[in-house]
C-alpha atoms as a PDB file:
ATOM      1  CA  UNK A   1      63.949 126.112 109.593  1.00  0.00           C
ATOM      2  CA  UNK A   2      64.230 122.859 107.448  1.00  0.00           C
ATOM      3  CA  UNK A   3      67.395 123.707 105.406  1.00  0.00           C
ATOM      4  CA  UNK A   4      69.145 124.569 109.327  1.00  0.00           C
ATOM      5  CA  UNK A   5      67.938 120.795 109.918  1.00  0.00           C
ATOM      6  CA  UNK A   6      69.323 118.667 106.928  1.00  0.00           C
ATOM      7  CA  UNK A   7      72.553 121.002 107.549  1.00  0.00           C
ATOM      8  CA  UNK A   8      72.420 119.513 111.286  1.00  0.00           C
ATOM      9  CA  UNK A   9      71.573 115.672 110.103  1.00  0.00           C
ATOM     10  CA  UNK A  10      74.375 116.020 107.624  1.00  0.00           C
ATOM     11  CA  UNK A  11      77.186 117.161 110.301  1.00  0.00           C
ATOM     12  CA  UNK A  12      76.118 114.312 112.377  1.00  0.00           C
ATOM     13  CA  UNK A  13      76.010 111.625 109.450  1.00  0.00           C
ATOM     14  CA  UNK A  14      79.940 113.077 108.589  1.00  0.00           C
ATOM     15  CA  UNK A  15      80.959 112.788 112.229  1.00  0.00           C
ATOM     16  CA  UNK A  16      79.661 109.317 112.197  1.00  0.00           C
ATOM     17  CA  UNK A  17      81.686 108.581 109.146  1.00  0.00           C
ATOM     18  CA  UNK A  18      84.650 109.858 110.224  1.00  0.00           C
ATOM     19  CA  UNK A  19      84.824 108.375 113.461  1.00  0.00           C
ATOM     20  CA  UNK A  20      84.030 104.885 111.845  1.00  0.00           C
ATOM     21  CA  UNK A  21      87.007 105.109 109.108  1.00  0.00           C
ATOM     22  CA  UNK A  22      89.256 106.478 112.303  1.00  0.00           C
ATOM     23  CA  UNK A  23      88.217 103.324 114.044  1.00  0.00           C
ATOM     24  CA  UNK A  24      88.768 101.172 111.128  1.00  0.00           C
ATOM     25  CA  UNK A  25      92.339 102.119 110.361  1.00  0.00           C
ATOM     26  CA  UNK A  26      93.519 102.246 113.877  1.00  0.00           C
ATOM     27  CA  UNK A  27      92.345  97.962 114.000  1.00  0.00           C
ATOM     28  CA  UNK A  28      94.045  97.755 111.148  1.00  0.00           C
ATOM     29  CA  UNK A  29      97.475  98.896 111.832  1.00  0.00           C
ATOM     30  CA  UNK A  30      97.237  97.121 115.477  1.00  0.00           C
ATOM     31  CA  UNK A  31      97.121  93.841 113.565  1.00  0.00           C
ATOM     32  CA  UNK A  32      99.359  93.911 110.461  1.00  0.00           C
ATOM     33  CA  UNK A  33     103.145  95.679 110.615  1.00  0.00           C
ATOM     34  CA  UNK A  34     103.723  97.477 107.343  1.00  0.00           C
ATOM     35  CA  UNK A  35     106.891  99.434 107.841  1.00  0.00           C
ATOM     36  CA  UNK A  36     111.167  99.173 106.689  1.00  0.00           C
ATOM     37  CA  UNK A  37     112.328 101.229 109.245  1.00  0.00           C
ATOM     38  CA  UNK A  38     115.814 102.842 108.634  1.00  0.00           C
ATOM     39  CA  UNK A  39     116.585 103.552 112.151  1.00  0.00           C
ATOM     40  CA  UNK A  40     115.307 104.356 115.122  1.00  0.00           C
ATOM     41  CA  UNK A  41     116.280 105.099 118.512  1.00  0.00           C
ATOM     42  CA  UNK A  42     117.286 102.100 120.537  1.00  0.00           C
ATOM     43  CA  UNK A  43     117.350 101.151 124.444  1.00  0.00           C
ATOM     44  CA  UNK A  44     120.992 101.174 125.632  1.00  0.00           C
ATOM     45  CA  UNK A  45     122.125  97.975 127.445  1.00  0.00           C
ATOM     46  CA  UNK A  46     121.103  98.235 131.164  1.00  0.00           C
ATOM     47  CA  UNK A  47     118.381 100.244 130.386  1.00  0.00           C
ATOM     48  CA  UNK A  48     115.471  99.960 132.914  1.00  0.00           C
ATOM     49  CA  UNK A  49     112.886 100.429 130.187  1.00  0.00           C
ATOM     50  CA  UNK A  50     114.596  98.071 127.620  1.00  0.00           C
ATOM     51  CA  UNK A  51     112.339  94.791 127.502  1.00  0.00           C
ATOM     52  CA  UNK A  52     114.098  91.581 128.457  1.00  0.00           C
ATOM     53  CA  UNK A  53     113.456  89.182 126.513  1.00  0.00           C
ATOM     54  CA  UNK A  54     113.713  85.222 126.693  1.00  0.00           C
ATOM     55  CA  UNK A  55     116.346  84.562 123.501  1.00  0.00           C
ATOM     56  CA  UNK A  56     116.450  80.771 123.416  1.00  0.00           C
ATOM     57  CA  UNK A  57     112.657  81.112 122.773  1.00  0.00           C
ATOM     58  CA  UNK A  58     113.432  83.424 120.342  1.00  0.00           C
ATOM     59  CA  UNK A  59     116.066  81.261 118.393  1.00  0.00           C
ATOM     60  CA  UNK A  60     113.176  78.570 117.669  1.00  0.00           C
ATOM     61  CA  UNK A  61     114.686  75.964 115.675  1.00  0.00           C
ATOM     62  CA  UNK A  62     115.874  78.670 112.897  1.00  0.00           C
ATOM     63  CA  UNK A  63     119.385  78.273 111.448  1.00  0.00           C
ATOM     64  CA  UNK A  64     121.885  79.669 113.626  1.00  0.00           C
ATOM     65  CA  UNK A  65     125.608  81.350 111.941  1.00  0.00           C
ATOM     66  CA  UNK A  66     127.895  81.201 114.214  1.00  0.00           C
ATOM     67  CA  UNK A  67     129.308  79.365 117.770  1.00  0.00           C
ATOM     68  CA  UNK A  68     126.220  78.230 119.150  1.00  0.00           C
ATOM     69  CA  UNK A  69     127.909  78.771 122.832  1.00  0.00           C
ATOM     70  CA  UNK A  70     128.572  82.768 121.695  1.00  0.00           C
ATOM     71  CA  UNK A  71     127.992  84.964 124.419  1.00  0.00           C
ATOM     72  CA  UNK A  72     126.170  87.458 122.463  1.00  0.00           C
ATOM     73  CA  UNK A  73     122.805  86.317 120.110  1.00  0.00           C
ATOM     74  CA  UNK A  74     121.968  88.441 117.719  1.00  0.00           C
ATOM     75  CA  UNK A  75     118.174  87.623 116.145  1.00  0.00           C
ATOM     76  CA  UNK A  76     117.161  89.474 113.129  1.00  0.00           C
ATOM     77  CA  UNK A  77     113.893  89.964 111.790  1.00  0.00           C
ATOM     78  CA  UNK A  78     114.135  90.813 107.871  1.00  0.00           C
ATOM     79  CA  UNK A  79     112.254  90.767 104.847  1.00  0.00           C
ATOM     80  CA  UNK A  80     113.906  90.051 101.593  1.00  0.00           C
ATOM     81  CA  UNK A  81     112.228  92.999 100.061  1.00  0.00           C
ATOM     82  CA  UNK A  82     113.094  95.255 101.817  1.00  0.00           C
ATOM     83  CA  UNK A  83     115.277  98.186 101.176  1.00  0.00           C
ATOM     84  CA  UNK A  84     116.641  99.071 104.743  1.00  0.00           C
ATOM     85  CA  UNK A  85     117.227  95.671 105.180  1.00  0.00           C
ATOM     86  CA  UNK A  86     119.209  94.950 102.053  1.00  0.00           C
ATOM     87  CA  UNK A  87     121.587  97.681 103.616  1.00  0.00           C
ATOM     88  CA  UNK A  88     121.926  96.127 106.412  1.00  0.00           C
ATOM     89  CA  UNK A  89     123.073  92.943 105.174  1.00  0.00           C
ATOM     90  CA  UNK A  90     125.329  95.079 102.487  1.00  0.00           C
ATOM     91  CA  UNK A  91     126.958  97.346 104.630  1.00  0.00           C
ATOM     92  CA  UNK A  92     127.078  96.011 108.192  1.00  0.00           C
ATOM     93  CA  UNK A  93     126.452  92.397 108.302  1.00  0.00           C
ATOM     94  CA  UNK A  94     129.357  91.570 107.015  1.00  0.00           C
ATOM     95  CA  UNK A  95     131.340  93.789 109.515  1.00  0.00           C
ATOM     96  CA  UNK A  96     129.487  91.918 112.154  1.00  0.00           C
ATOM     97  CA  UNK A  97     130.116  88.245 110.709  1.00  0.00           C
ATOM     98  CA  UNK A  98     134.039  89.287 110.475  1.00  0.00           C
ATOM     99  CA  UNK A  99     134.409  90.871 113.561  1.00  0.00           C
ATOM    100  CA  UNK A 100     132.415  89.129 116.293  1.00  0.00           C
ATOM    101  CA  UNK A 101     130.699  86.054 114.449  1.00  0.00           C
ATOM    102  CA  UNK A 102     133.953  84.073 113.016  1.00  0.00           C
ATOM    103  CA  UNK A 103     135.606  84.863 116.181  1.00  0.00           C
ATOM    104  CA  UNK A 104     133.233  83.332 118.485  1.00  0.00           C
ATOM    105  CA  UNK A 105     131.940  86.169 120.277  1.00  0.00           C
ATOM    106  CA  UNK A 106     128.264  86.084 118.605  1.00  0.00           C
ATOM    107  CA  UNK A 107     125.975  83.921 117.151  1.00  0.00           C
ATOM    108  CA  UNK A 108     123.603  85.477 114.293  1.00  0.00           C
ATOM    109  CA  UNK A 109     120.100  84.252 113.585  1.00  0.00           C
ATOM    110  CA  UNK A 110     117.780  85.094 110.959  1.00  0.00           C
ATOM    111  CA  UNK A 111     113.820  84.711 110.926  1.00  0.00           C
ATOM    112  CA  UNK A 112     111.282  86.241 108.451  1.00  0.00           C
ATOM    113  CA  UNK A 113     109.121  89.525 109.457  1.00  0.00           C
ATOM    114  CA  UNK A 114     107.632  90.217 105.173  1.00  0.00           C
ATOM    115  CA  UNK A 115     105.973  92.990 105.031  1.00  0.00           C
ATOM    116  CA  UNK A 116     103.632  91.698 102.472  1.00  0.00           C
ATOM    117  CA  UNK A 117     100.744  94.739 102.200  1.00  0.00           C
ATOM    118  CA  UNK A 118     103.789  96.401 100.695  1.00  0.00           C
ATOM    119  CA  UNK A 119     106.196  93.899  99.544  1.00  0.00           C
ATOM    120  CA  UNK A 120     104.293  91.244  97.313  1.00  0.00           C
ATOM    121  CA  UNK A 121     106.870  88.811  97.226  1.00  0.00           C
ATOM    122  CA  UNK A 122     108.403  88.682 100.402  1.00  0.00           C
ATOM    123  CA  UNK A 123     106.636  85.856 101.352  1.00  0.00           C
ATOM    124  CA  UNK A 124     108.059  83.555  98.989  1.00  0.00           C
ATOM    125  CA  UNK A 125     111.207  85.096  99.384  1.00  0.00           C
ATOM    126  CA  UNK A 126     111.268  83.499 102.847  1.00  0.00           C
ATOM    127  CA  UNK A 127     109.777  80.411 101.548  1.00  0.00           C
ATOM    128  CA  UNK A 128     112.823  80.039  99.308  1.00  0.00           C
ATOM    129  CA  UNK A 129     114.821  80.700 101.888  1.00  0.00           C
ATOM    130  CA  UNK A 130     113.514  77.821 103.785  1.00  0.00           C
ATOM    131  CA  UNK A 131     113.308  75.804 101.383  1.00  0.00           C
ATOM    132  CA  UNK A 132     116.866  75.909 100.452  1.00  0.00           C
ATOM    133  CA  UNK A 133     117.662  75.235 104.395  1.00  0.00           C
ATOM    134  CA  UNK A 134     116.064  71.861 103.980  1.00  0.00           C
ATOM    135  CA  UNK A 135     118.965  71.291 101.569  1.00  0.00           C
ATOM    136  CA  UNK A 136     121.566  72.936 104.086  1.00  0.00           C
ATOM    137  CA  UNK A 137     122.378  76.219 101.765  1.00  0.00           C
ATOM    138  CA  UNK A 138     119.920  78.520 103.517  1.00  0.00           C
ATOM    139  CA  UNK A 139     122.776  80.916 103.665  1.00  0.00           C
ATOM    140  CA  UNK A 140     123.868  81.107 100.119  1.00  0.00           C
ATOM    141  CA  UNK A 141     120.180  81.465  99.505  1.00  0.00           C
ATOM    142  CA  UNK A 142     119.417  84.301 102.076  1.00  0.00           C
ATOM    143  CA  UNK A 143     122.871  85.958 100.406  1.00  0.00           C
ATOM    144  CA  UNK A 144     121.159  85.638  96.849  1.00  0.00           C
ATOM    145  CA  UNK A 145     118.272  86.856  97.719  1.00  0.00           C
ATOM    146  CA  UNK A 146     119.484  90.045  99.119  1.00  0.00           C
ATOM    147  CA  UNK A 147     122.046  90.559  96.418  1.00  0.00           C
ATOM    148  CA  UNK A 148     120.219  89.669  92.845  1.00  0.00           C
ATOM    149  CA  UNK A 149     117.204  90.817  94.217  1.00  0.00           C
ATOM    150  CA  UNK A 150     113.285  89.253  94.210  1.00  0.00           C
ATOM    151  CA  UNK A 151     111.567  91.465  91.881  1.00  0.00           C
ATOM    152  CA  UNK A 152     111.692  88.340  89.701  1.00  0.00           C
ATOM    153  CA  UNK A 153     109.421  86.383  92.044  1.00  0.00           C
ATOM    154  CA  UNK A 154     108.984  82.384  92.238  1.00  0.00           C
ATOM    155  CA  UNK A 155     110.844  81.852  88.633  1.00  0.00           C
ATOM    156  CA  UNK A 156     114.003  83.824  89.755  1.00  0.00           C
ATOM    157  CA  UNK A 157     113.959  81.938  92.896  1.00  0.00           C
ATOM    158  CA  UNK A 158     113.804  78.637  91.401  1.00  0.00           C
ATOM    159  CA  UNK A 159     116.863  79.795  89.421  1.00  0.00           C
ATOM    160  CA  UNK A 160     118.784  80.949  92.068  1.00  0.00           C
ATOM    161  CA  UNK A 161     117.987  77.280  93.487  1.00  0.00           C
ATOM    162  CA  UNK A 162     119.799  76.097  89.982  1.00  0.00           C
ATOM    163  CA  UNK A 163     122.960  78.260  90.490  1.00  0.00           C
ATOM    164  CA  UNK A 164     122.882  77.215  93.770  1.00  0.00           C
ATOM    165  CA  UNK A 165     123.137  73.390  92.966  1.00  0.00           C
ATOM    166  CA  UNK A 166     120.089  72.587  94.689  1.00  0.00           C
ATOM    167  CA  UNK A 167     118.433  69.532  93.566  1.00  0.00           C
ATOM    168  CA  UNK A 168     115.985  71.523  91.420  1.00  0.00           C
ATOM    169  CA  UNK A 169     112.425  69.254  91.693  1.00  0.00           C
ATOM    170  CA  UNK A 170     112.483  69.343  95.180  1.00  0.00           C
ATOM    171  CA  UNK A 171     113.049  72.983  95.306  1.00  0.00           C
ATOM    172  CA  UNK A 172     110.125  72.940  93.261  1.00  0.00           C
ATOM    173  CA  UNK A 173     107.945  70.834  95.214  1.00  0.00           C
ATOM    174  CA  UNK A 174     108.480  72.688  98.236  1.00  0.00           C
ATOM    175  CA  UNK A 175     108.439  76.334  96.849  1.00  0.00           C
ATOM    176  CA  UNK A 176     104.951  75.431  94.677  1.00  0.00           C
ATOM    177  CA  UNK A 177     103.087  73.753  97.905  1.00  0.00           C
ATOM    178  CA  UNK A 178     103.642  76.175 100.037  1.00  0.00           C
ATOM    179  CA  UNK A 179     105.457  73.907 102.827  1.00  0.00           C
ATOM    180  CA  UNK A 180     107.585  76.018 104.541  1.00  0.00           C
ATOM    181  CA  UNK A 181     104.590  79.073 104.332  1.00  0.00           C
ATOM    182  CA  UNK A 182     103.600  78.571 108.351  1.00  0.00           C
ATOM    183  CA  UNK A 183     107.272  78.579 109.314  1.00  0.00           C
ATOM    184  CA  UNK A 184     107.378  82.138 107.325  1.00  0.00           C
ATOM    185  CA  UNK A 185     104.045  83.252 109.698  1.00  0.00           C
ATOM    186  CA  UNK A 186     105.554  81.322 112.740  1.00  0.00           C
ATOM    187  CA  UNK A 187     108.622  84.057 112.957  1.00  0.00           C
ATOM    188  CA  UNK A 188     106.347  86.682 112.137  1.00  0.00           C
ATOM    189  CA  UNK A 189     103.837  86.413 114.608  1.00  0.00           C
ATOM    190  CA  UNK A 190     107.386  85.538 117.406  1.00  0.00           C
ATOM    191  CA  UNK A 191     108.312  88.930 116.128  1.00  0.00           C
ATOM    192  CA  UNK A 192     105.315  90.618 116.605  1.00  0.00           C
ATOM    193  CA  UNK A 193     104.930  89.197 120.318  1.00  0.00           C
ATOM    194  CA  UNK A 194     108.865  90.716 120.600  1.00  0.00           C
ATOM    195  CA  UNK A 195     107.937  93.836 120.239  1.00  0.00           C
ATOM    196  CA  UNK A 196     109.517  93.958 116.686  1.00  0.00           C
ATOM    197  CA  UNK A 197     107.361  96.304 114.307  1.00  0.00           C
ATOM    198  CA  UNK A 198     109.354  96.611 111.312  1.00  0.00           C
ATOM    199  CA  UNK A 199     112.032  95.620 109.134  1.00  0.00           C
ATOM    200  CA  UNK A 200     114.814  95.401 110.188  1.00  0.00           C
ATOM    201  CA  UNK A 201     114.395  94.391 113.706  1.00  0.00           C
ATOM    202  CA  UNK A 202     116.733  92.845 116.389  1.00  0.00           C
ATOM    203  CA  UNK A 203     117.217  91.226 119.543  1.00  0.00           C
ATOM    204  CA  UNK A 204     120.197  91.455 121.053  1.00  0.00           C
ATOM    205  CA  UNK A 205     120.574  89.209 124.376  1.00  0.00           C
ATOM    206  CA  UNK A 206     117.215  90.139 125.316  1.00  0.00           C
ATOM    207  CA  UNK A 207     117.128  93.833 123.894  1.00  0.00           C
ATOM    208  CA  UNK A 208     115.438  95.640 121.104  1.00  0.00           C
ATOM    209  CA  UNK A 209     116.953  97.182 118.354  1.00  0.00           C
ATOM    210  CA  UNK A 210     115.099  98.642 115.610  1.00  0.00           C
ATOM    211  CA  UNK A 211     116.333  99.743 111.961  1.00  0.00           C
ATOM    212  CA  UNK A 212     119.313  99.575 109.543  1.00  0.00           C
ATOM    213  CA  UNK A 213     121.406 101.203 112.052  1.00  0.00           C
ATOM    214  CA  UNK A 214     125.526 101.468 111.156  1.00  0.00           C
ATOM    215  CA  UNK A 215     127.984  99.079 112.081  1.00  0.00           C
ATOM    216  CA  UNK A 216     129.404 100.990 114.800  1.00  0.00           C
ATOM    217  CA  UNK A 217     126.113 100.908 116.908  1.00  0.00           C
ATOM    218  CA  UNK A 218     126.050  97.090 116.735  1.00  0.00           C
ATOM    219  CA  UNK A 219     129.622  97.105 117.612  1.00  0.00           C
ATOM    220  CA  UNK A 220     129.100  99.810 120.867  1.00  0.00           C
ATOM    221  CA  UNK A 221     125.844  97.446 122.410  1.00  0.00           C
ATOM    222  CA  UNK A 222     128.071  94.328 121.164  1.00  0.00           C
ATOM    223  CA  UNK A 223     131.604  95.179 122.942  1.00  0.00           C
ATOM    224  CA  UNK A 224     129.026  96.535 126.377  1.00  0.00           C
ATOM    225  CA  UNK A 225     127.751  93.026 126.734  1.00  0.00           C
ATOM    226  CA  UNK A 226     131.221  91.253 126.583  1.00  0.00           C
ATOM    227  CA  UNK A 227     132.275  93.682 128.603  1.00  0.00           C
END
């Protein structure tokens, strides 16, 4: 009898502990985005289920690539340490830039979404791009971070700044002080509120697109908006 009673209470304790663990994991998952996204299904333009976002609010004060009055706006939330973001940069962004940005049809905005739980250098890399922005070379640093990588951390970011002929003293001070940290986190929070759950994530004229999808997917969406 005593043995059965002990087994009963052990079973109760194990069940309670399991419930506590599940609740904690659920809470953590709801607060911190932690995934890089290779590709996910997207909502097609005009889909009644697609969320419609305020694009002007999403642009905030971030750097715009292209004509400010372009009819199509793409906002990207990205992480400089995310391999799928690097894939989008190397395989897709160049084509969007060539066919749509340079022709005045699309303006492109980059916003930060550092997944610090899995990418330890993502936050400071984003800050480095912001510090370069203060000297008018955001896109140059953006390209360098994706092309040369961020594995070297702060030391490598300072070296990139020298290679880009930035004022090293100003750049180093900006990066070391964390001056741009709050701006990076604002980008992240805005992304979360817009429904971004991983990187890369996009808003195209108010509709959310997830994943490092090939150029053809973006072309289909952009062309439908232009027509």
